[in-house]
Amino acid sequence: MTRPRITIYGIANCDTVKKSRNWFTQQGLEHQFHDFKKQGLPAGRLPAWMTAVGWDKLLNRQGTTWRKLDSATQATVRDQATASAVMQARPSVIKRPVVEWQPDGPTHVTHISIGYVPEQWQAWGHQPSRA
């Protein structure tokens, strides 16, 4: 069995991203980190994320970035297309982290999760290390 290819998308100073990155490190799982602030939103990933989890779950209406948007911009978000436009313009409004887990090489389906969900990551095939 090959090792999964794991990419964590988010912002380096986000506490939930830090917690997630630490979890993967503690489990001995290699992962890449993609920082929205430094590297931007990766081209073509947003549609896959919205298909996997839904635009309404991906859009973080509780975060600071959303609260700082003017009410007119907030009011425009009513479907996948309008949510996508806001997320493209302001990636910090995406709930974090977004984790892409590619198990056992390119022939298997990529799993996508939002937030800190170690139970889900374990279900995708990783058994935690025993101390």
C-alpha atoms as a PDB file:
ATOM      1  CA  MET A   1       0.000   0.000   0.000  1.00  0.00           C
ATOM      2  CA  THR A   2       1.353   3.427  -0.906  1.00  0.00           C
ATOM      3  CA  ARG A   3       1.213   6.408   1.409  1.00  0.00           C
ATOM      4  CA  PRO A   4      -1.660   8.815   0.872  1.00  0.00           C
ATOM      5  CA  ARG A   5      -0.949  12.172  -0.720  1.00  0.00           C
ATOM      6  CA  ILE A   6      -2.370  14.784   1.626  1.00  0.00           C
ATOM      7  CA  THR A   7      -2.675  18.511   1.007  1.00  0.00           C
ATOM      8  CA  ILE A   8      -3.929  20.907   3.655  1.00  0.00           C
ATOM      9  CA  TYR A   9      -5.268  24.229   2.368  1.00  0.00           C
ATOM     10  CA  GLY A  10      -5.715  27.195   4.659  1.00  0.00           C
ATOM     11  CA  ILE A  11      -3.985  30.062   6.395  1.00  0.00           C
ATOM     12  CA  ALA A  12      -0.874  29.488   8.496  1.00  0.00           C
ATOM     13  CA  ASN A  13      -2.028  31.492  11.516  1.00  0.00           C
ATOM     14  CA  CYS A  14      -5.490  29.857  11.688  1.00  0.00           C
ATOM     15  CA  ASP A  15      -5.791  27.837  14.921  1.00  0.00           C
ATOM     16  CA  THR A  16      -7.831  25.066  13.268  1.00  0.00           C
ATOM     17  CA  VAL A  17      -5.252  24.759  10.497  1.00  0.00           C
ATOM     18  CA  LYS A  18      -2.451  24.577  13.065  1.00  0.00           C
ATOM     19  CA  LYS A  19      -4.329  21.900  15.007  1.00  0.00           C
ATOM     20  CA  SER A  20      -4.906  19.897  11.823  1.00  0.00           C
ATOM     21  CA  ARG A  21      -1.309  20.136  10.673  1.00  0.00           C
ATOM     22  CA  ASN A  22      -0.156  19.009  14.128  1.00  0.00           C
ATOM     23  CA  TRP A  23      -2.529  16.036  14.012  1.00  0.00           C
ATOM     24  CA  PHE A  24      -1.128  14.839  10.681  1.00  0.00           C
ATOM     25  CA  THR A  25       2.430  15.287  11.950  1.00  0.00           C
ATOM     26  CA  GLN A  26       1.678  13.382  15.170  1.00  0.00           C
ATOM     27  CA  GLN A  27       0.197  10.546  13.127  1.00  0.00           C
ATOM     28  CA  GLY A  28       3.349  10.357  11.005  1.00  0.00           C
ATOM     29  CA  LEU A  29       1.476  11.355   7.849  1.00  0.00           C
ATOM     30  CA  GLU A  30       3.409  13.437   5.380  1.00  0.00           C
ATOM     31  CA  HIS A  31       1.420  16.340   4.026  1.00  0.00           C
ATOM     32  CA  GLN A  32       1.817  19.490   2.011  1.00  0.00           C
ATOM     33  CA  PHE A  33       0.488  22.834   3.159  1.00  0.00           C
ATOM     34  CA  HIS A  34      -0.953  25.373   0.743  1.00  0.00           C
ATOM     35  CA  ASP A  35      -1.282  28.849   2.279  1.00  0.00           C
ATOM     36  CA  PHE A  36      -4.118  30.910   0.765  1.00  0.00           C
ATOM     37  CA  LYS A  37      -2.459  34.158   1.875  1.00  0.00           C
ATOM     38  CA  LYS A  38       0.901  33.401   0.258  1.00  0.00           C
ATOM     39  CA  GLN A  39      -0.064  31.117  -2.638  1.00  0.00           C
ATOM     40  CA  GLY A  40      -3.634  32.155  -3.398  1.00  0.00           C
ATOM     41  CA  LEU A  41      -6.518  29.867  -4.208  1.00  0.00           C
ATOM     42  CA  PRO A  42      -5.295  27.030  -6.449  1.00  0.00           C
ATOM     43  CA  ALA A  43      -6.835  27.212  -9.909  1.00  0.00           C
ATOM     44  CA  GLY A  44      -9.557  24.674 -10.480  1.00  0.00           C
ATOM     45  CA  ARG A  45      -9.843  23.363  -6.901  1.00  0.00           C
ATOM     46  CA  LEU A  46     -12.872  25.357  -5.766  1.00  0.00           C
ATOM     47  CA  PRO A  47     -15.416  23.559  -8.022  1.00  0.00           C
ATOM     48  CA  ALA A  48     -14.227  20.155  -6.760  1.00  0.00           C
ATOM     49  CA  TRP A  49     -14.514  21.288  -3.152  1.00  0.00           C
ATOM     50  CA  MET A  50     -18.009  22.673  -3.694  1.00  0.00           C
ATOM     51  CA  THR A  51     -19.087  19.453  -5.397  1.00  0.00           C
ATOM     52  CA  ALA A  52     -17.691  17.359  -2.551  1.00  0.00           C
ATOM     53  CA  VAL A  53     -19.003  19.318   0.440  1.00  0.00           C
ATOM     54  CA  GLY A  54     -21.415  21.942  -0.890  1.00  0.00           C
ATOM     55  CA  TRP A  55     -20.843  25.653  -1.290  1.00  0.00           C
ATOM     56  CA  ASP A  56     -22.816  26.502   1.838  1.00  0.00           C
ATOM     57  CA  LYS A  57     -20.547  24.353   4.025  1.00  0.00           C
ATOM     58  CA  LEU A  58     -17.393  25.678   2.352  1.00  0.00           C
ATOM     59  CA  LEU A  59     -18.359  29.329   2.867  1.00  0.00           C
ATOM     60  CA  ASN A  60     -17.444  30.413   6.396  1.00  0.00           C
ATOM     61  CA  ARG A  61     -20.165  32.850   7.425  1.00  0.00           C
ATOM     62  CA  GLN A  62     -18.891  32.814  11.035  1.00  0.00           C
ATOM     63  CA  GLY A  63     -15.386  34.098  10.304  1.00  0.00           C
ATOM     64  CA  THR A  64     -13.861  37.527  10.445  1.00  0.00           C
ATOM     65  CA  THR A  65     -13.508  37.851   6.680  1.00  0.00           C
ATOM     66  CA  TRP A  66     -17.249  37.299   6.155  1.00  0.00           C
ATOM     67  CA  ARG A  67     -18.184  39.712   8.930  1.00  0.00           C
ATOM     68  CA  LYS A  68     -15.961  42.398   7.383  1.00  0.00           C
ATOM     69  CA  LEU A  69     -17.742  42.144   4.029  1.00  0.00           C
ATOM     70  CA  ASP A  70     -20.278  44.863   3.398  1.00  0.00           C
ATOM     71  CA  SER A  71     -23.908  43.775   3.641  1.00  0.00           C
ATOM     72  CA  ALA A  72     -24.451  44.267  -0.102  1.00  0.00           C
ATOM     73  CA  THR A  73     -21.693  41.742  -0.918  1.00  0.00           C
ATOM     74  CA  GLN A  74     -23.008  39.304   1.680  1.00  0.00           C
ATOM     75  CA  ALA A  75     -26.496  39.609   0.190  1.00  0.00           C
ATOM     76  CA  THR A  76     -25.239  38.613  -3.271  1.00  0.00           C
ATOM     77  CA  VAL A  77     -24.264  35.143  -2.020  1.00  0.00           C
ATOM     78  CA  ARG A  78     -27.268  32.944  -2.690  1.00  0.00           C
ATOM     79  CA  ASP A  79     -26.035  30.013  -4.792  1.00  0.00           C
ATOM     80  CA  GLN A  80     -22.911  28.175  -5.928  1.00  0.00           C
ATOM     81  CA  ALA A  81     -21.989  30.704  -8.619  1.00  0.00           C
ATOM     82  CA  THR A  82     -22.251  33.746  -6.373  1.00  0.00           C
ATOM     83  CA  ALA A  83     -20.500  31.973  -3.479  1.00  0.00           C
ATOM     84  CA  SER A  84     -17.725  30.942  -5.851  1.00  0.00           C
ATOM     85  CA  ALA A  85     -17.197  34.540  -6.952  1.00  0.00           C
ATOM     86  CA  VAL A  86     -16.807  35.707  -3.340  1.00  0.00           C
ATOM     87  CA  MET A  87     -14.482  32.810  -2.452  1.00  0.00           C
ATOM     88  CA  GLN A  88     -12.333  33.434  -5.534  1.00  0.00           C
ATOM     89  CA  ALA A  89     -12.009  37.111  -4.636  1.00  0.00           C
ATOM     90  CA  ARG A  90     -11.442  36.478  -0.897  1.00  0.00           C
ATOM     91  CA  PRO A  91     -10.079  32.975  -0.184  1.00  0.00           C
ATOM     92  CA  SER A  92      -9.997  33.792   3.547  1.00  0.00           C
ATOM     93  CA  VAL A  93     -13.782  33.367   3.554  1.00  0.00           C
ATOM     94  CA  ILE A  94     -13.330  29.632   2.882  1.00  0.00           C
ATOM     95  CA  LYS A  95     -13.807  27.475   5.972  1.00  0.00           C
ATOM     96  CA  ARG A  96     -10.490  25.962   7.011  1.00  0.00           C
ATOM     97  CA  PRO A  97      -8.739  23.742   6.612  1.00  0.00           C
ATOM     98  CA  VAL A  98      -9.699  22.090   3.380  1.00  0.00           C
ATOM     99  CA  VAL A  99      -7.949  18.711   3.347  1.00  0.00           C
ATOM    100  CA  GLU A 100      -7.520  16.702   0.162  1.00  0.00           C
ATOM    101  CA  TRP A 101      -6.600  13.088   0.862  1.00  0.00           C
ATOM    102  CA  GLN A 102      -5.556  11.044  -2.184  1.00  0.00           C
ATOM    103  CA  PRO A 103      -5.312   7.431  -0.939  1.00  0.00           C
ATOM    104  CA  ASP A 104      -3.274   4.712  -2.582  1.00  0.00           C
ATOM    105  CA  GLY A 105      -2.247   6.644  -5.652  1.00  0.00           C
ATOM    106  CA  PRO A 106      -4.066   8.325  -8.503  1.00  0.00           C
ATOM    107  CA  THR A 107      -6.560   5.554  -9.300  1.00  0.00           C
ATOM    108  CA  HIS A 108      -8.591   6.061  -6.127  1.00  0.00           C
ATOM    109  CA  VAL A 109     -11.062   8.829  -5.367  1.00  0.00           C
ATOM    110  CA  THR A 110      -9.763  11.899  -3.594  1.00  0.00           C
ATOM    111  CA  HIS A 111     -11.481  12.585  -0.280  1.00  0.00           C
ATOM    112  CA  ILE A 112     -12.172  16.163   0.736  1.00  0.00           C
ATOM    113  CA  SER A 113     -12.927  17.406   4.235  1.00  0.00           C
ATOM    114  CA  ILE A 114     -13.548  20.801   5.770  1.00  0.00           C
ATOM    115  CA  GLY A 115     -12.468  21.711   9.295  1.00  0.00           C
ATOM    116  CA  TYR A 116     -10.734  19.637  11.950  1.00  0.00           C
ATOM    117  CA  VAL A 117     -12.163  16.123  11.565  1.00  0.00           C
ATOM    118  CA  PRO A 118      -9.622  13.483  12.694  1.00  0.00           C
ATOM    119  CA  GLU A 119     -12.360  10.830  12.930  1.00  0.00           C
ATOM    120  CA  GLN A 120     -13.010  11.286   9.209  1.00  0.00           C
ATOM    121  CA  TRP A 121      -9.326  11.165   8.348  1.00  0.00           C
ATOM    122  CA  GLN A 122      -8.947   7.932  10.315  1.00  0.00           C
ATOM    123  CA  ALA A 123     -11.923   6.446   8.478  1.00  0.00           C
ATOM    124  CA  TRP A 124     -10.182   7.172   5.195  1.00  0.00           C
ATOM    125  CA  GLY A 125      -7.671   4.512   5.986  1.00  0.00           C
ATOM    126  CA  HIS A 126      -5.237   5.697   8.587  1.00  0.00           C
ATOM    127  CA  GLN A 127      -4.964   3.984  11.926  1.00  0.00           C
ATOM    128  CA  PRO A 128      -3.447   6.341  14.493  1.00  0.00           C
ATOM    129  CA  SER A 129      -0.063   5.550  15.931  1.00  0.00           C
ATOM    130  CA  ARG A 130      -0.070   3.933  19.347  1.00  0.00           C
ATOM    131  CA  ALA A 131       1.921   5.584  22.078  1.00  0.00           C
END
